[in-house]
Amino acid sequence: MTDLSQFPITARWPAKNPGIIQLYSFPTPNGVKASIALEEMRLDYEPHLVTLSDADVKSDAFLSLNPNNKIPAIIDPDGPDGPIGLFESGAILLYLAEKTGKFIGETASDKARITQWLMFQMGGLGPMLGQMGFFFKFAGKDIPDDRPRDRYRAEAIRLLAVVEKQLEGRDWIAGDYSIADMAIAPWINVLELYGTKDIVGYHDLKNVPAYVDRFFARPAVDKARNIPPRPA
């Protein structure tokens, strides 16, 4: 039987089956990247719900796996050199794609193109839309200064325009369906939660809404979008 005792997180979130990938997550746009990849790649895994409360993500147990206190994180008992723990959603997507040889392209050039769009999400689309959500829906909405809201709204519009142009004449962001789509589409979809579709002109776009609908129509994505399930 696989021994994961070297990972202190397993004391708080015990593995029922330590021989398969352990996922520590919550169904946010970043969290579902990992569950979507695991489902699409048909990897066996065991999900553990880690809420966004400080009691979970800032616990010693979780920090032992991710010192940056953000979901998702994984442990793969069948890593390249033995069991391995990983954090950062983009790193997890790359690791799983390379492990399985799926959704990363057929050539080195394919991989480079897919990786650049993954980085586009990690460095631009995700952070900018996340900040927009903070200033339009969450605590930042009560700040009287409109400049932060104007800045992140403008950035959201600009970034959506980049995606709209890239999708012209193609179904997926970098050619065939890939981990780049698993990163980008969940973040665009969060505009619904933020209630900001109208202010960024979402409904005036042609390619982006069709892309998001196409993405969430995939059976693996539909299943993974609430893994681990949100608390009732």
C-alpha atoms as a PDB file:
ATOM      1  CA  MET A   1       0.000   0.000   0.000  1.00  0.00           C
ATOM      2  CA  THR A   2       1.298   3.449  -0.920  1.00  0.00           C
ATOM      3  CA  ASP A   3       2.542   5.467   2.043  1.00  0.00           C
ATOM      4  CA  LEU A   4       1.792   9.200   1.857  1.00  0.00           C
ATOM      5  CA  SER A   5       2.764   9.959   5.450  1.00  0.00           C
ATOM      6  CA  GLN A   6       5.599  12.161   4.186  1.00  0.00           C
ATOM      7  CA  PHE A   7       2.874  14.666   3.279  1.00  0.00           C
ATOM      8  CA  PRO A   8       1.493  16.190   6.525  1.00  0.00           C
ATOM      9  CA  ILE A   9      -1.675  17.315   4.721  1.00  0.00           C
ATOM     10  CA  THR A  10      -2.876  13.706   4.694  1.00  0.00           C
ATOM     11  CA  ALA A  11      -3.239  13.754   8.474  1.00  0.00           C
ATOM     12  CA  ARG A  12      -6.008  16.346   8.172  1.00  0.00           C
ATOM     13  CA  TRP A  13      -7.428  15.159   4.848  1.00  0.00           C
ATOM     14  CA  PRO A  14      -6.760  11.380   4.972  1.00  0.00           C
ATOM     15  CA  ALA A  15      -6.485   9.446   1.736  1.00  0.00           C
ATOM     16  CA  LYS A  16      -8.971   6.614   1.395  1.00  0.00           C
ATOM     17  CA  ASN A  17      -6.986   5.321  -1.560  1.00  0.00           C
ATOM     18  CA  PRO A  18      -3.398   6.573  -1.278  1.00  0.00           C
ATOM     19  CA  GLY A  19      -2.474   4.833  -4.524  1.00  0.00           C
ATOM     20  CA  ILE A  20      -4.229   7.433  -6.674  1.00  0.00           C
ATOM     21  CA  ILE A  21      -3.853  11.183  -7.166  1.00  0.00           C
ATOM     22  CA  GLN A  22      -5.076  13.240  -4.231  1.00  0.00           C
ATOM     23  CA  LEU A  23      -6.773  16.534  -5.155  1.00  0.00           C
ATOM     24  CA  TYR A  24      -7.169  19.310  -2.574  1.00  0.00           C
ATOM     25  CA  SER A  25      -9.477  21.918  -4.015  1.00  0.00           C
ATOM     26  CA  PHE A  26     -12.656  23.960  -4.110  1.00  0.00           C
ATOM     27  CA  PRO A  27     -14.783  24.591  -7.238  1.00  0.00           C
ATOM     28  CA  THR A  28     -13.515  28.055  -8.125  1.00  0.00           C
ATOM     29  CA  PRO A  29     -12.215  28.882 -11.639  1.00  0.00           C
ATOM     30  CA  ASN A  30      -8.724  27.900 -10.513  1.00  0.00           C
ATOM     31  CA  GLY A  31      -9.888  24.861  -8.597  1.00  0.00           C
ATOM     32  CA  VAL A  32     -11.877  23.315 -11.426  1.00  0.00           C
ATOM     33  CA  LYS A  33      -8.917  23.508 -13.790  1.00  0.00           C
ATOM     34  CA  ALA A  34      -7.451  20.535 -11.929  1.00  0.00           C
ATOM     35  CA  SER A  35     -10.666  18.509 -11.681  1.00  0.00           C
ATOM     36  CA  ILE A  36     -11.436  19.141 -15.361  1.00  0.00           C
ATOM     37  CA  ALA A  37      -7.968  17.965 -16.376  1.00  0.00           C
ATOM     38  CA  LEU A  38      -8.225  14.870 -14.215  1.00  0.00           C
ATOM     39  CA  GLU A  39     -11.614  14.007 -15.696  1.00  0.00           C
ATOM     40  CA  GLU A  40     -10.608  14.755 -19.285  1.00  0.00           C
ATOM     41  CA  MET A  41      -7.425  12.694 -18.919  1.00  0.00           C
ATOM     42  CA  ARG A  42      -9.347   9.869 -17.221  1.00  0.00           C
ATOM     43  CA  LEU A  43      -6.966   9.710 -14.308  1.00  0.00           C
ATOM     44  CA  ASP A  44      -8.023   8.097 -11.045  1.00  0.00           C
ATOM     45  CA  TYR A  45      -8.132  10.649  -8.260  1.00  0.00           C
ATOM     46  CA  GLU A  46      -9.612  11.322  -4.855  1.00  0.00           C
ATOM     47  CA  PRO A  47     -10.977  14.840  -4.235  1.00  0.00           C
ATOM     48  CA  HIS A  48     -10.756  16.539  -0.848  1.00  0.00           C
ATOM     49  CA  LEU A  49     -12.773  19.681  -0.170  1.00  0.00           C
ATOM     50  CA  VAL A  50     -10.558  22.501   1.062  1.00  0.00           C
ATOM     51  CA  THR A  51     -12.706  25.543   1.719  1.00  0.00           C
ATOM     52  CA  LEU A  52     -11.459  29.071   1.183  1.00  0.00           C
ATOM     53  CA  SER A  53     -11.673  29.830   4.899  1.00  0.00           C
ATOM     54  CA  ASP A  54      -8.470  30.623   6.761  1.00  0.00           C
ATOM     55  CA  ALA A  55      -9.153  27.555   8.922  1.00  0.00           C
ATOM     56  CA  ASP A  56      -8.473  25.411   5.860  1.00  0.00           C
ATOM     57  CA  VAL A  57      -6.177  27.219   3.411  1.00  0.00           C
ATOM     58  CA  LYS A  58      -4.037  28.778   6.141  1.00  0.00           C
ATOM     59  CA  SER A  59      -3.881  25.652   8.269  1.00  0.00           C
ATOM     60  CA  ASP A  60      -0.485  24.105   8.921  1.00  0.00           C
ATOM     61  CA  ALA A  61      -1.686  20.989   7.118  1.00  0.00           C
ATOM     62  CA  PHE A  62      -2.535  22.769   3.877  1.00  0.00           C
ATOM     63  CA  LEU A  63       0.484  25.078   4.034  1.00  0.00           C
ATOM     64  CA  SER A  64       2.693  22.004   4.218  1.00  0.00           C
ATOM     65  CA  LEU A  65       1.685  21.269   0.609  1.00  0.00           C
ATOM     66  CA  ASN A  66       1.127  24.809  -0.655  1.00  0.00           C
ATOM     67  CA  PRO A  67       2.971  27.546   1.231  1.00  0.00           C
ATOM     68  CA  ASN A  68       1.047  30.086  -0.872  1.00  0.00           C
ATOM     69  CA  ASN A  69      -2.245  28.975   0.771  1.00  0.00           C
ATOM     70  CA  LYS A  70      -4.232  28.733  -2.484  1.00  0.00           C
ATOM     71  CA  ILE A  71      -6.186  25.869  -4.003  1.00  0.00           C
ATOM     72  CA  PRO A  72      -5.760  23.616  -5.907  1.00  0.00           C
ATOM     73  CA  ALA A  73      -2.928  21.312  -4.925  1.00  0.00           C
ATOM     74  CA  ILE A  74      -2.301  17.664  -5.650  1.00  0.00           C
ATOM     75  CA  ILE A  75      -0.249  14.713  -4.535  1.00  0.00           C
ATOM     76  CA  ASP A  76       0.615  12.173  -7.198  1.00  0.00           C
ATOM     77  CA  PRO A  77       1.803   8.929  -5.566  1.00  0.00           C
ATOM     78  CA  ASP A  78       3.050   7.800  -8.972  1.00  0.00           C
ATOM     79  CA  GLY A  79       5.316  10.728  -9.731  1.00  0.00           C
ATOM     80  CA  PRO A  80       8.357  10.527 -12.009  1.00  0.00           C
ATOM     81  CA  ASP A  81      10.714   9.971  -9.072  1.00  0.00           C
ATOM     82  CA  GLY A  82       8.243   8.785  -6.463  1.00  0.00           C
ATOM     83  CA  PRO A  83       5.342  10.619  -4.799  1.00  0.00           C
ATOM     84  CA  ILE A  84       5.234  14.324  -5.625  1.00  0.00           C
ATOM     85  CA  GLY A  85       3.175  17.233  -4.303  1.00  0.00           C
ATOM     86  CA  LEU A  86       2.352  20.199  -6.511  1.00  0.00           C
ATOM     87  CA  PHE A  87       0.557  23.528  -6.219  1.00  0.00           C
ATOM     88  CA  GLU A  88      -0.342  26.286  -8.721  1.00  0.00           C
ATOM     89  CA  SER A  89      -3.117  25.383 -11.142  1.00  0.00           C
ATOM     90  CA  GLY A  90      -1.051  26.085 -14.265  1.00  0.00           C
ATOM     91  CA  ALA A  91       1.800  23.897 -13.047  1.00  0.00           C
ATOM     92  CA  ILE A  92      -0.680  21.124 -12.254  1.00  0.00           C
ATOM     93  CA  LEU A  93      -2.175  21.326 -15.762  1.00  0.00           C
ATOM     94  CA  LEU A  94       1.257  21.095 -17.373  1.00  0.00           C
ATOM     95  CA  TYR A  95       2.304  18.228 -15.123  1.00  0.00           C
ATOM     96  CA  LEU A  96      -0.829  16.173 -15.797  1.00  0.00           C
ATOM     97  CA  ALA A  97      -0.671  16.849 -19.546  1.00  0.00           C
ATOM     98  CA  GLU A  98       2.954  15.754 -19.707  1.00  0.00           C
ATOM     99  CA  LYS A  99       2.251  12.731 -17.490  1.00  0.00           C
ATOM    100  CA  THR A 100      -0.488  11.497 -19.806  1.00  0.00           C
ATOM    101  CA  GLY A 101       0.647  12.943 -23.127  1.00  0.00           C
ATOM    102  CA  LYS A 102      -2.823  14.429 -23.562  1.00  0.00           C
ATOM    103  CA  PHE A 103      -4.067  17.947 -24.374  1.00  0.00           C
ATOM    104  CA  ILE A 104      -0.544  19.328 -24.765  1.00  0.00           C
ATOM    105  CA  GLY A 105      -0.221  18.991 -28.550  1.00  0.00           C
ATOM    106  CA  GLU A 106       1.644  16.610 -30.797  1.00  0.00           C
ATOM    107  CA  THR A 107       4.849  18.600 -31.371  1.00  0.00           C
ATOM    108  CA  ALA A 108       7.175  20.895 -29.473  1.00  0.00           C
ATOM    109  CA  SER A 109       5.677  23.817 -31.400  1.00  0.00           C
ATOM    110  CA  ASP A 110       2.170  22.748 -30.359  1.00  0.00           C
ATOM    111  CA  LYS A 111       3.267  22.626 -26.734  1.00  0.00           C
ATOM    112  CA  ALA A 112       4.839  26.073 -26.967  1.00  0.00           C
ATOM    113  CA  ARG A 113       1.662  27.584 -28.411  1.00  0.00           C
ATOM    114  CA  ILE A 114      -0.530  25.895 -25.820  1.00  0.00           C
ATOM    115  CA  THR A 115       1.781  26.976 -23.015  1.00  0.00           C
ATOM    116  CA  GLN A 116       1.747  30.606 -24.139  1.00  0.00           C
ATOM    117  CA  TRP A 117      -2.058  30.689 -23.913  1.00  0.00           C
ATOM    118  CA  LEU A 118      -1.949  28.958 -20.547  1.00  0.00           C
ATOM    119  CA  MET A 119       0.418  31.702 -19.371  1.00  0.00           C
ATOM    120  CA  PHE A 120      -1.934  34.316 -20.855  1.00  0.00           C
ATOM    121  CA  GLN A 121      -4.593  33.070 -18.484  1.00  0.00           C
ATOM    122  CA  MET A 122      -2.283  32.717 -15.504  1.00  0.00           C
ATOM    123  CA  GLY A 123      -0.656  36.111 -15.859  1.00  0.00           C
ATOM    124  CA  GLY A 124      -3.443  38.195 -17.367  1.00  0.00           C
ATOM    125  CA  LEU A 125      -6.967  36.923 -17.737  1.00  0.00           C
ATOM    126  CA  GLY A 126      -7.274  35.300 -14.313  1.00  0.00           C
ATOM    127  CA  PRO A 127      -5.718  38.058 -12.198  1.00  0.00           C
ATOM    128  CA  MET A 128      -7.494  40.881 -14.035  1.00  0.00           C
ATOM    129  CA  LEU A 129     -10.942  39.254 -13.953  1.00  0.00           C
ATOM    130  CA  GLY A 130     -10.378  38.295 -10.330  1.00  0.00           C
ATOM    131  CA  GLN A 131      -9.634  41.896  -9.412  1.00  0.00           C
ATOM    132  CA  MET A 132     -12.678  43.041 -11.342  1.00  0.00           C
ATOM    133  CA  GLY A 133     -14.803  40.645  -9.321  1.00  0.00           C
ATOM    134  CA  PHE A 134     -13.374  42.044  -6.090  1.00  0.00           C
ATOM    135  CA  PHE A 135     -14.181  45.630  -7.045  1.00  0.00           C
ATOM    136  CA  PHE A 136     -17.599  44.979  -8.601  1.00  0.00           C
ATOM    137  CA  LYS A 137     -19.081  42.202  -6.469  1.00  0.00           C
ATOM    138  CA  PHE A 138     -17.115  41.706  -3.283  1.00  0.00           C
ATOM    139  CA  ALA A 139     -15.608  44.022  -0.650  1.00  0.00           C
ATOM    140  CA  GLY A 140     -14.064  46.418  -3.154  1.00  0.00           C
ATOM    141  CA  LYS A 141     -17.476  47.529  -4.430  1.00  0.00           C
ATOM    142  CA  ASP A 142     -17.866  49.717  -1.350  1.00  0.00           C
ATOM    143  CA  ILE A 143     -14.712  51.725  -2.068  1.00  0.00           C
ATOM    144  CA  PRO A 144     -15.831  55.202  -3.197  1.00  0.00           C
ATOM    145  CA  ASP A 145     -12.950  55.690  -5.641  1.00  0.00           C
ATOM    146  CA  ASP A 146     -14.051  54.477  -9.095  1.00  0.00           C
ATOM    147  CA  ARG A 147     -10.551  54.236 -10.549  1.00  0.00           C
ATOM    148  CA  PRO A 148      -9.931  50.572  -9.568  1.00  0.00           C
ATOM    149  CA  ARG A 149     -13.282  49.532 -11.040  1.00  0.00           C
ATOM    150  CA  ASP A 150     -12.606  51.458 -14.233  1.00  0.00           C
ATOM    151  CA  ARG A 151      -9.145  49.966 -14.587  1.00  0.00           C
ATOM    152  CA  TYR A 152     -10.185  46.332 -14.195  1.00  0.00           C
ATOM    153  CA  ARG A 153     -13.283  46.725 -16.326  1.00  0.00           C
ATOM    154  CA  ALA A 154     -11.121  48.170 -19.108  1.00  0.00           C
ATOM    155  CA  GLU A 155      -8.616  45.341 -18.759  1.00  0.00           C
ATOM    156  CA  ALA A 156     -11.411  42.752 -18.849  1.00  0.00           C
ATOM    157  CA  ILE A 157     -12.755  44.263 -22.069  1.00  0.00           C
ATOM    158  CA  ARG A 158      -9.275  44.292 -23.609  1.00  0.00           C
ATOM    159  CA  LEU A 159      -8.497  40.699 -22.652  1.00  0.00           C
ATOM    160  CA  LEU A 160     -11.846  39.410 -23.866  1.00  0.00           C
ATOM    161  CA  ALA A 161     -11.122  41.107 -27.181  1.00  0.00           C
ATOM    162  CA  VAL A 162      -7.841  39.189 -27.382  1.00  0.00           C
ATOM    163  CA  VAL A 163      -9.692  35.909 -26.858  1.00  0.00           C
ATOM    164  CA  GLU A 164     -12.425  36.910 -29.313  1.00  0.00           C
ATOM    165  CA  LYS A 165      -9.849  37.553 -32.031  1.00  0.00           C
ATOM    166  CA  GLN A 166      -7.910  34.376 -31.323  1.00  0.00           C
ATOM    167  CA  LEU A 167     -11.087  32.277 -31.624  1.00  0.00           C
ATOM    168  CA  GLU A 168     -11.961  33.608 -35.061  1.00  0.00           C
ATOM    169  CA  GLY A 169     -12.265  30.589 -37.321  1.00  0.00           C
ATOM    170  CA  ARG A 170     -11.356  28.050 -34.622  1.00  0.00           C
ATOM    171  CA  ASP A 171     -13.187  26.122 -31.921  1.00  0.00           C
ATOM    172  CA  TRP A 172     -10.370  26.122 -29.370  1.00  0.00           C
ATOM    173  CA  ILE A 173      -7.820  28.679 -28.309  1.00  0.00           C
ATOM    174  CA  ALA A 174      -4.611  27.025 -29.555  1.00  0.00           C
ATOM    175  CA  GLY A 175      -5.754  24.601 -32.237  1.00  0.00           C
ATOM    176  CA  ASP A 176      -7.023  21.327 -30.804  1.00  0.00           C
ATOM    177  CA  TYR A 177      -8.711  21.281 -27.396  1.00  0.00           C
ATOM    178  CA  SER A 178      -6.005  21.609 -24.745  1.00  0.00           C
ATOM    179  CA  ILE A 179      -5.067  22.525 -21.207  1.00  0.00           C
ATOM    180  CA  ALA A 180      -5.119  26.165 -22.347  1.00  0.00           C
ATOM    181  CA  ASP A 181      -8.887  25.882 -22.789  1.00  0.00           C
ATOM    182  CA  MET A 182      -9.187  24.199 -19.384  1.00  0.00           C
ATOM    183  CA  ALA A 183      -7.556  27.307 -17.923  1.00  0.00           C
ATOM    184  CA  ILE A 184      -9.246  30.046 -19.944  1.00  0.00           C
ATOM    185  CA  ALA A 185     -12.910  29.035 -20.243  1.00  0.00           C
ATOM    186  CA  PRO A 186     -13.599  28.658 -16.486  1.00  0.00           C
ATOM    187  CA  TRP A 187     -12.274  32.159 -15.896  1.00  0.00           C
ATOM    188  CA  ILE A 188     -14.424  33.708 -18.612  1.00  0.00           C
ATOM    189  CA  ASN A 189     -17.421  31.891 -17.164  1.00  0.00           C
ATOM    190  CA  VAL A 190     -16.879  33.589 -13.797  1.00  0.00           C
ATOM    191  CA  LEU A 191     -18.282  36.796 -15.298  1.00  0.00           C
ATOM    192  CA  GLU A 192     -21.690  35.272 -14.617  1.00  0.00           C
ATOM    193  CA  LEU A 193     -20.923  35.016 -10.897  1.00  0.00           C
ATOM    194  CA  TYR A 194     -19.587  38.557 -10.798  1.00  0.00           C
ATOM    195  CA  GLY A 195     -22.651  39.935 -12.612  1.00  0.00           C
ATOM    196  CA  THR A 196     -20.349  41.808 -14.997  1.00  0.00           C
ATOM    197  CA  LYS A 197     -21.253  40.376 -18.404  1.00  0.00           C
ATOM    198  CA  ASP A 198     -23.164  43.471 -19.449  1.00  0.00           C
ATOM    199  CA  ILE A 199     -20.534  46.001 -18.407  1.00  0.00           C
ATOM    200  CA  VAL A 200     -17.779  44.231 -20.369  1.00  0.00           C
ATOM    201  CA  GLY A 201     -19.890  43.771 -23.495  1.00  0.00           C
ATOM    202  CA  TYR A 202     -19.937  39.977 -23.263  1.00  0.00           C
ATOM    203  CA  HIS A 203     -23.168  39.641 -25.214  1.00  0.00           C
ATOM    204  CA  ASP A 204     -21.759  41.765 -28.027  1.00  0.00           C
ATOM    205  CA  LEU A 205     -19.051  39.179 -28.632  1.00  0.00           C
ATOM    206  CA  LYS A 206     -19.589  36.365 -31.118  1.00  0.00           C
ATOM    207  CA  ASN A 207     -16.827  33.842 -30.563  1.00  0.00           C
ATOM    208  CA  VAL A 208     -16.331  33.994 -26.810  1.00  0.00           C
ATOM    209  CA  PRO A 209     -19.876  33.057 -25.676  1.00  0.00           C
ATOM    210  CA  ALA A 210     -19.995  30.187 -28.190  1.00  0.00           C
ATOM    211  CA  TYR A 211     -16.596  29.026 -26.935  1.00  0.00           C
ATOM    212  CA  VAL A 212     -17.699  28.978 -23.301  1.00  0.00           C
ATOM    213  CA  ASP A 213     -20.905  27.113 -24.185  1.00  0.00           C
ATOM    214  CA  ARG A 214     -18.915  24.590 -26.227  1.00  0.00           C
ATOM    215  CA  PHE A 215     -16.494  24.070 -23.356  1.00  0.00           C
ATOM    216  CA  PHE A 216     -19.126  23.442 -20.706  1.00  0.00           C
ATOM    217  CA  ALA A 217     -21.033  21.089 -22.996  1.00  0.00           C
ATOM    218  CA  ARG A 218     -18.160  18.611 -22.723  1.00  0.00           C
ATOM    219  CA  PRO A 219     -19.262  15.756 -20.399  1.00  0.00           C
ATOM    220  CA  ALA A 220     -15.999  15.725 -18.449  1.00  0.00           C
ATOM    221  CA  VAL A 221     -16.193  19.480 -17.883  1.00  0.00           C
ATOM    222  CA  ASP A 222     -19.826  19.322 -16.819  1.00  0.00           C
ATOM    223  CA  LYS A 223     -18.963  16.636 -14.273  1.00  0.00           C
ATOM    224  CA  ALA A 224     -15.827  18.356 -12.995  1.00  0.00           C
ATOM    225  CA  ARG A 225     -17.269  21.847 -12.551  1.00  0.00           C
ATOM    226  CA  ASN A 226     -18.466  20.970  -9.026  1.00  0.00           C
ATOM    227  CA  ILE A 227     -15.656  18.703  -7.832  1.00  0.00           C
ATOM    228  CA  PRO A 228     -15.141  18.615  -4.926  1.00  0.00           C
ATOM    229  CA  PRO A 229     -18.819  19.440  -4.352  1.00  0.00           C
ATOM    230  CA  ARG A 230     -19.552  22.737  -2.682  1.00  0.00           C
ATOM    231  CA  PRO A 231     -20.921  22.369   0.853  1.00  0.00           C
ATOM    232  CA  ALA A 232     -24.712  22.223   0.977  1.00  0.00           C
END
